[in-house]
Amino acid sequence: MQLVSWFAAALIAMYAQAAAAADKFTLKSADIAPNAKIAVKHVYKGFGCEGGNVSPALAWSGAPAGTKSFAVTMYDPDAPTGSGWWHWIVFNLPASTAGLEQGAGDASGTRLPAGAVQSRTDFGGPGYGGPCPPSGPSLKNPHRYIFTVFALRVDKLDLTPDSSGALVGYMLNANALDKASFTGRYGR
């Protein structure tokens, strides 16, 4: 009898673990594999970089119950600033959003869902700003570019397109139900 109870408990635990894994909040890109080099198409054009500055396609799934909106960020923690570098900040994406198409991060914002806001990056304006690390030593140690989608408990953040990355980041973390990330790499 004790063996049957143990076996039943083990089956229940395995089922719960499989169900949790199936509902895990994930973020993927058809354009950037996790920990892979980011293609020149997505690299910034300016600051000495000659990329296409096209935001990658992103797709997410498994958002937690109660999600009322999403936000997406791209952040370089390796930038030699002492505070990293915000490359892309998008918030107030409707809860019905399951991804962003390639190029959705253009500065006009016209390729984003209605109501979405792109705020100021560390390049000085809204919209996607691709990787552009300093040349030299970064060739041996490419920078990490962390793409994150946040599932938020609020319909919208009361912030403007001029809000800083630090302020938006604070509000995202204060209102997050969950988040999912992957990292791309780039050096020159």
C-alpha atoms as a PDB file:
ATOM      1  CA  MET A   1       0.000   0.000   0.000  1.00  0.00           C
ATOM      2  CA  GLN A   2       2.817   2.379   0.859  1.00  0.00           C
ATOM      3  CA  LEU A   3       4.446   1.699  -2.540  1.00  0.00           C
ATOM      4  CA  VAL A   4       1.180   2.535  -4.334  1.00  0.00           C
ATOM      5  CA  SER A   5       0.888   5.825  -2.405  1.00  0.00           C
ATOM      6  CA  TRP A   6       4.467   6.747  -3.224  1.00  0.00           C
ATOM      7  CA  PHE A   7       3.916   5.880  -6.906  1.00  0.00           C
ATOM      8  CA  ALA A   8       0.710   7.975  -7.033  1.00  0.00           C
ATOM      9  CA  ALA A   9       2.493  10.918  -5.400  1.00  0.00           C
ATOM     10  CA  ALA A  10       5.346  10.631  -7.913  1.00  0.00           C
ATOM     11  CA  LEU A  11       2.909  10.600 -10.845  1.00  0.00           C
ATOM     12  CA  ILE A  12       1.081  13.665  -9.506  1.00  0.00           C
ATOM     13  CA  ALA A  13       4.389  15.521  -9.073  1.00  0.00           C
ATOM     14  CA  MET A  14       5.496  14.626 -12.605  1.00  0.00           C
ATOM     15  CA  TYR A  15       2.150  15.758 -14.037  1.00  0.00           C
ATOM     16  CA  ALA A  16       2.311  19.064 -12.141  1.00  0.00           C
ATOM     17  CA  GLN A  17       5.871  19.657 -13.337  1.00  0.00           C
ATOM     18  CA  ALA A  18       4.905  18.910 -16.968  1.00  0.00           C
ATOM     19  CA  ALA A  19       1.874  21.207 -16.730  1.00  0.00           C
ATOM     20  CA  ALA A  20       4.014  24.008 -15.293  1.00  0.00           C
ATOM     21  CA  ALA A  21       6.593  23.569 -18.066  1.00  0.00           C
ATOM     22  CA  ALA A  22       3.853  23.663 -20.717  1.00  0.00           C
ATOM     23  CA  ASP A  23       2.570  26.990 -19.358  1.00  0.00           C
ATOM     24  CA  LYS A  24       5.986  28.567 -18.898  1.00  0.00           C
ATOM     25  CA  PHE A  25       6.184  32.151 -20.157  1.00  0.00           C
ATOM     26  CA  THR A  26       8.651  32.185 -23.066  1.00  0.00           C
ATOM     27  CA  LEU A  27      10.101  34.707 -25.507  1.00  0.00           C
ATOM     28  CA  LYS A  28      11.589  33.687 -28.858  1.00  0.00           C
ATOM     29  CA  SER A  29      12.807  35.288 -32.055  1.00  0.00           C
ATOM     30  CA  ALA A  30      12.907  33.871 -35.559  1.00  0.00           C
ATOM     31  CA  ASP A  31      15.766  36.322 -36.207  1.00  0.00           C
ATOM     32  CA  ILE A  32      18.067  35.782 -33.202  1.00  0.00           C
ATOM     33  CA  ALA A  33      18.811  32.411 -31.612  1.00  0.00           C
ATOM     34  CA  PRO A  34      19.546  32.462 -27.870  1.00  0.00           C
ATOM     35  CA  ASN A  35      23.192  33.396 -27.211  1.00  0.00           C
ATOM     36  CA  ALA A  36      23.872  33.676 -30.962  1.00  0.00           C
ATOM     37  CA  LYS A  37      25.512  36.559 -32.797  1.00  0.00           C
ATOM     38  CA  ILE A  38      23.055  39.252 -33.862  1.00  0.00           C
ATOM     39  CA  ALA A  39      23.001  39.759 -37.643  1.00  0.00           C
ATOM     40  CA  VAL A  40      24.141  43.054 -39.198  1.00  0.00           C
ATOM     41  CA  LYS A  41      20.544  43.657 -40.326  1.00  0.00           C
ATOM     42  CA  HIS A  42      19.671  44.323 -36.652  1.00  0.00           C
ATOM     43  CA  VAL A  43      22.803  46.377 -35.798  1.00  0.00           C
ATOM     44  CA  TYR A  44      22.510  50.139 -35.253  1.00  0.00           C
ATOM     45  CA  LYS A  45      23.255  52.563 -38.093  1.00  0.00           C
ATOM     46  CA  GLY A  46      25.266  55.385 -36.541  1.00  0.00           C
ATOM     47  CA  PHE A  47      27.889  55.825 -33.803  1.00  0.00           C
ATOM     48  CA  GLY A  48      30.357  54.166 -36.204  1.00  0.00           C
ATOM     49  CA  CYS A  49      28.135  51.144 -36.865  1.00  0.00           C
ATOM     50  CA  GLU A  50      26.792  50.336 -40.335  1.00  0.00           C
ATOM     51  CA  GLY A  51      23.850  48.015 -39.685  1.00  0.00           C
ATOM     52  CA  GLY A  52      20.286  48.029 -40.934  1.00  0.00           C
ATOM     53  CA  ASN A  53      18.831  48.957 -37.516  1.00  0.00           C
ATOM     54  CA  VAL A  54      15.800  46.692 -38.051  1.00  0.00           C
ATOM     55  CA  SER A  55      14.175  45.351 -34.892  1.00  0.00           C
ATOM     56  CA  PRO A  56      13.941  41.546 -34.802  1.00  0.00           C
ATOM     57  CA  ALA A  57      10.697  39.605 -34.874  1.00  0.00           C
ATOM     58  CA  LEU A  58       9.641  38.537 -31.377  1.00  0.00           C
ATOM     59  CA  ALA A  59       7.004  36.041 -30.239  1.00  0.00           C
ATOM     60  CA  TRP A  60       5.883  35.082 -26.751  1.00  0.00           C
ATOM     61  CA  SER A  61       3.554  32.537 -25.213  1.00  0.00           C
ATOM     62  CA  GLY A  62       2.462  31.191 -21.840  1.00  0.00           C
ATOM     63  CA  ALA A  63       1.669  34.530 -20.222  1.00  0.00           C
ATOM     64  CA  PRO A  64       0.249  34.175 -16.717  1.00  0.00           C
ATOM     65  CA  ALA A  65      -3.450  34.535 -15.948  1.00  0.00           C
ATOM     66  CA  GLY A  66      -4.354  38.123 -15.164  1.00  0.00           C
ATOM     67  CA  THR A  67      -2.009  39.665 -17.744  1.00  0.00           C
ATOM     68  CA  LYS A  68      -3.494  43.008 -18.811  1.00  0.00           C
ATOM     69  CA  SER A  69      -0.666  44.316 -21.005  1.00  0.00           C
ATOM     70  CA  PHE A  70       2.880  43.597 -22.153  1.00  0.00           C
ATOM     71  CA  ALA A  71       6.128  45.518 -22.481  1.00  0.00           C
ATOM     72  CA  VAL A  72       9.324  44.699 -24.376  1.00  0.00           C
ATOM     73  CA  THR A  73      12.846  45.898 -23.655  1.00  0.00           C
ATOM     74  CA  MET A  74      16.304  45.387 -25.110  1.00  0.00           C
ATOM     75  CA  TYR A  75      19.154  46.161 -22.739  1.00  0.00           C
ATOM     76  CA  ASP A  76      22.962  45.913 -22.913  1.00  0.00           C
ATOM     77  CA  PRO A  77      24.384  45.382 -19.403  1.00  0.00           C
ATOM     78  CA  ASP A  78      27.945  45.417 -20.798  1.00  0.00           C
ATOM     79  CA  ALA A  79      27.943  48.991 -22.128  1.00  0.00           C
ATOM     80  CA  PRO A  80      30.834  50.982 -20.618  1.00  0.00           C
ATOM     81  CA  THR A  81      28.527  53.508 -18.946  1.00  0.00           C
ATOM     82  CA  GLY A  82      28.264  52.231 -15.392  1.00  0.00           C
ATOM     83  CA  SER A  83      24.513  51.788 -15.941  1.00  0.00           C
ATOM     84  CA  GLY A  84      24.194  49.718 -19.120  1.00  0.00           C
ATOM     85  CA  TRP A  85      22.392  50.888 -22.278  1.00  0.00           C
ATOM     86  CA  TRP A  86      18.668  50.837 -23.159  1.00  0.00           C
ATOM     87  CA  HIS A  87      18.280  49.911 -26.849  1.00  0.00           C
ATOM     88  CA  TRP A  88      14.508  49.495 -27.067  1.00  0.00           C
ATOM     89  CA  ILE A  89      11.588  50.146 -24.739  1.00  0.00           C
ATOM     90  CA  VAL A  90       7.977  49.422 -25.735  1.00  0.00           C
ATOM     91  CA  PHE A  91       5.068  49.366 -23.284  1.00  0.00           C
ATOM     92  CA  ASN A  92       1.251  49.435 -23.226  1.00  0.00           C
ATOM     93  CA  LEU A  93       1.073  46.529 -25.661  1.00  0.00           C
ATOM     94  CA  PRO A  94      -2.469  45.076 -25.396  1.00  0.00           C
ATOM     95  CA  ALA A  95      -2.914  41.726 -23.632  1.00  0.00           C
ATOM     96  CA  SER A  96      -3.997  40.230 -26.968  1.00  0.00           C
ATOM     97  CA  THR A  97      -0.488  40.809 -28.398  1.00  0.00           C
ATOM     98  CA  ALA A  98       1.591  37.654 -28.875  1.00  0.00           C
ATOM     99  CA  GLY A  99       4.612  39.186 -30.589  1.00  0.00           C
ATOM    100  CA  LEU A 100       6.043  41.940 -32.741  1.00  0.00           C
ATOM    101  CA  GLU A 101       6.921  41.612 -36.412  1.00  0.00           C
ATOM    102  CA  GLN A 102      10.385  42.336 -37.735  1.00  0.00           C
ATOM    103  CA  GLY A 103      10.778  46.108 -38.129  1.00  0.00           C
ATOM    104  CA  ALA A 104       7.994  46.957 -35.647  1.00  0.00           C
ATOM    105  CA  GLY A 105      10.463  49.089 -33.680  1.00  0.00           C
ATOM    106  CA  ASP A 106      10.868  51.846 -36.264  1.00  0.00           C
ATOM    107  CA  ALA A 107      10.816  55.276 -34.639  1.00  0.00           C
ATOM    108  CA  SER A 108       7.384  56.178 -36.059  1.00  0.00           C
ATOM    109  CA  GLY A 109       5.701  53.425 -34.046  1.00  0.00           C
ATOM    110  CA  THR A 110       3.183  52.850 -36.862  1.00  0.00           C
ATOM    111  CA  ARG A 111       3.915  49.104 -36.966  1.00  0.00           C
ATOM    112  CA  LEU A 112       3.028  48.626 -33.300  1.00  0.00           C
ATOM    113  CA  PRO A 113      -0.441  47.786 -31.939  1.00  0.00           C
ATOM    114  CA  ALA A 114      -2.720  50.768 -31.211  1.00  0.00           C
ATOM    115  CA  GLY A 115      -1.920  52.358 -27.852  1.00  0.00           C
ATOM    116  CA  ALA A 116       1.635  51.026 -27.630  1.00  0.00           C
ATOM    117  CA  VAL A 117       4.333  53.509 -26.611  1.00  0.00           C
ATOM    118  CA  GLN A 118       8.045  53.452 -27.445  1.00  0.00           C
ATOM    119  CA  SER A 119      10.002  55.555 -25.017  1.00  0.00           C
ATOM    120  CA  ARG A 120      13.401  57.164 -25.196  1.00  0.00           C
ATOM    121  CA  THR A 121      16.390  54.871 -25.556  1.00  0.00           C
ATOM    122  CA  ASP A 122      19.932  55.785 -24.606  1.00  0.00           C
ATOM    123  CA  PHE A 123      20.464  56.850 -28.228  1.00  0.00           C
ATOM    124  CA  GLY A 124      18.212  59.821 -27.345  1.00  0.00           C
ATOM    125  CA  GLY A 125      14.892  59.025 -29.037  1.00  0.00           C
ATOM    126  CA  PRO A 126      12.149  56.420 -29.251  1.00  0.00           C
ATOM    127  CA  GLY A 127      12.283  53.275 -31.350  1.00  0.00           C
ATOM    128  CA  TYR A 128      14.632  50.372 -31.735  1.00  0.00           C
ATOM    129  CA  GLY A 129      18.366  51.106 -31.628  1.00  0.00           C
ATOM    130  CA  GLY A 130      20.386  48.019 -32.493  1.00  0.00           C
ATOM    131  CA  PRO A 131      23.684  46.836 -31.048  1.00  0.00           C
ATOM    132  CA  CYS A 132      26.665  49.136 -31.490  1.00  0.00           C
ATOM    133  CA  PRO A 133      29.318  48.353 -28.890  1.00  0.00           C
ATOM    134  CA  PRO A 134      32.657  50.109 -28.912  1.00  0.00           C
ATOM    135  CA  SER A 135      35.156  48.488 -31.266  1.00  0.00           C
ATOM    136  CA  GLY A 136      38.277  46.801 -29.955  1.00  0.00           C
ATOM    137  CA  PRO A 137      38.219  44.667 -26.813  1.00  0.00           C
ATOM    138  CA  SER A 138      34.545  43.821 -27.329  1.00  0.00           C
ATOM    139  CA  LEU A 139      35.627  41.621 -30.250  1.00  0.00           C
ATOM    140  CA  LYS A 140      36.997  39.175 -27.703  1.00  0.00           C
ATOM    141  CA  ASN A 141      34.037  39.681 -25.373  1.00  0.00           C
ATOM    142  CA  PRO A 142      30.899  40.551 -27.361  1.00  0.00           C
ATOM    143  CA  HIS A 143      28.236  42.497 -25.511  1.00  0.00           C
ATOM    144  CA  ARG A 144      25.060  40.787 -24.315  1.00  0.00           C
ATOM    145  CA  TYR A 145      21.752  42.183 -25.575  1.00  0.00           C
ATOM    146  CA  ILE A 146      18.924  41.023 -23.351  1.00  0.00           C
ATOM    147  CA  PHE A 147      15.454  41.000 -24.908  1.00  0.00           C
ATOM    148  CA  THR A 148      12.708  40.786 -22.280  1.00  0.00           C
ATOM    149  CA  VAL A 149       8.925  40.671 -22.461  1.00  0.00           C
ATOM    150  CA  PHE A 150       7.038  41.617 -19.302  1.00  0.00           C
ATOM    151  CA  ALA A 151       3.504  40.390 -18.547  1.00  0.00           C
ATOM    152  CA  LEU A 152       1.946  43.246 -16.570  1.00  0.00           C
ATOM    153  CA  ARG A 153      -0.926  43.383 -14.088  1.00  0.00           C
ATOM    154  CA  VAL A 154      -2.005  46.831 -15.356  1.00  0.00           C
ATOM    155  CA  ASP A 155      -3.707  47.883 -18.613  1.00  0.00           C
ATOM    156  CA  LYS A 156      -1.195  50.658 -19.165  1.00  0.00           C
ATOM    157  CA  LEU A 157       1.710  52.476 -17.621  1.00  0.00           C
ATOM    158  CA  ASP A 158       1.133  56.188 -17.205  1.00  0.00           C
ATOM    159  CA  LEU A 159       4.450  57.121 -18.808  1.00  0.00           C
ATOM    160  CA  THR A 160       5.389  59.146 -21.883  1.00  0.00           C
ATOM    161  CA  PRO A 161       7.619  58.602 -24.923  1.00  0.00           C
ATOM    162  CA  ASP A 162      10.190  60.770 -23.121  1.00  0.00           C
ATOM    163  CA  SER A 163      10.343  58.511 -20.038  1.00  0.00           C
ATOM    164  CA  SER A 164      13.830  57.200 -19.293  1.00  0.00           C
ATOM    165  CA  GLY A 165      14.768  53.541 -19.431  1.00  0.00           C
ATOM    166  CA  ALA A 166      15.414  53.522 -15.690  1.00  0.00           C
ATOM    167  CA  LEU A 167      11.946  54.923 -14.905  1.00  0.00           C
ATOM    168  CA  VAL A 168      10.208  52.519 -17.295  1.00  0.00           C
ATOM    169  CA  GLY A 169      12.276  49.628 -15.923  1.00  0.00           C
ATOM    170  CA  TYR A 170      11.225  50.519 -12.391  1.00  0.00           C
ATOM    171  CA  MET A 171       7.538  50.598 -13.359  1.00  0.00           C
ATOM    172  CA  LEU A 172       7.822  47.344 -15.322  1.00  0.00           C
ATOM    173  CA  ASN A 173       9.343  45.483 -12.395  1.00  0.00           C
ATOM    174  CA  ALA A 174       6.805  47.000  -9.962  1.00  0.00           C
ATOM    175  CA  ASN A 175       3.892  45.769 -12.127  1.00  0.00           C
ATOM    176  CA  ALA A 176       5.246  42.489 -13.534  1.00  0.00           C
ATOM    177  CA  LEU A 177       3.356  39.242 -13.109  1.00  0.00           C
ATOM    178  CA  ASP A 178       6.172  37.451 -14.947  1.00  0.00           C
ATOM    179  CA  LYS A 179       8.872  38.061 -17.529  1.00  0.00           C
ATOM    180  CA  ALA A 180      10.709  36.037 -20.146  1.00  0.00           C
ATOM    181  CA  SER A 181      14.069  36.796 -21.771  1.00  0.00           C
ATOM    182  CA  PHE A 182      16.695  35.632 -24.203  1.00  0.00           C
ATOM    183  CA  THR A 183      20.131  37.056 -24.944  1.00  0.00           C
ATOM    184  CA  GLY A 184      21.789  37.817 -28.286  1.00  0.00           C
ATOM    185  CA  ARG A 185      25.444  38.826 -28.639  1.00  0.00           C
ATOM    186  CA  TYR A 186      27.356  41.279 -30.778  1.00  0.00           C
ATOM    187  CA  GLY A 187      30.919  42.622 -30.855  1.00  0.00           C
ATOM    188  CA  ARG A 188      33.016  44.520 -33.389  1.00  0.00           C
END
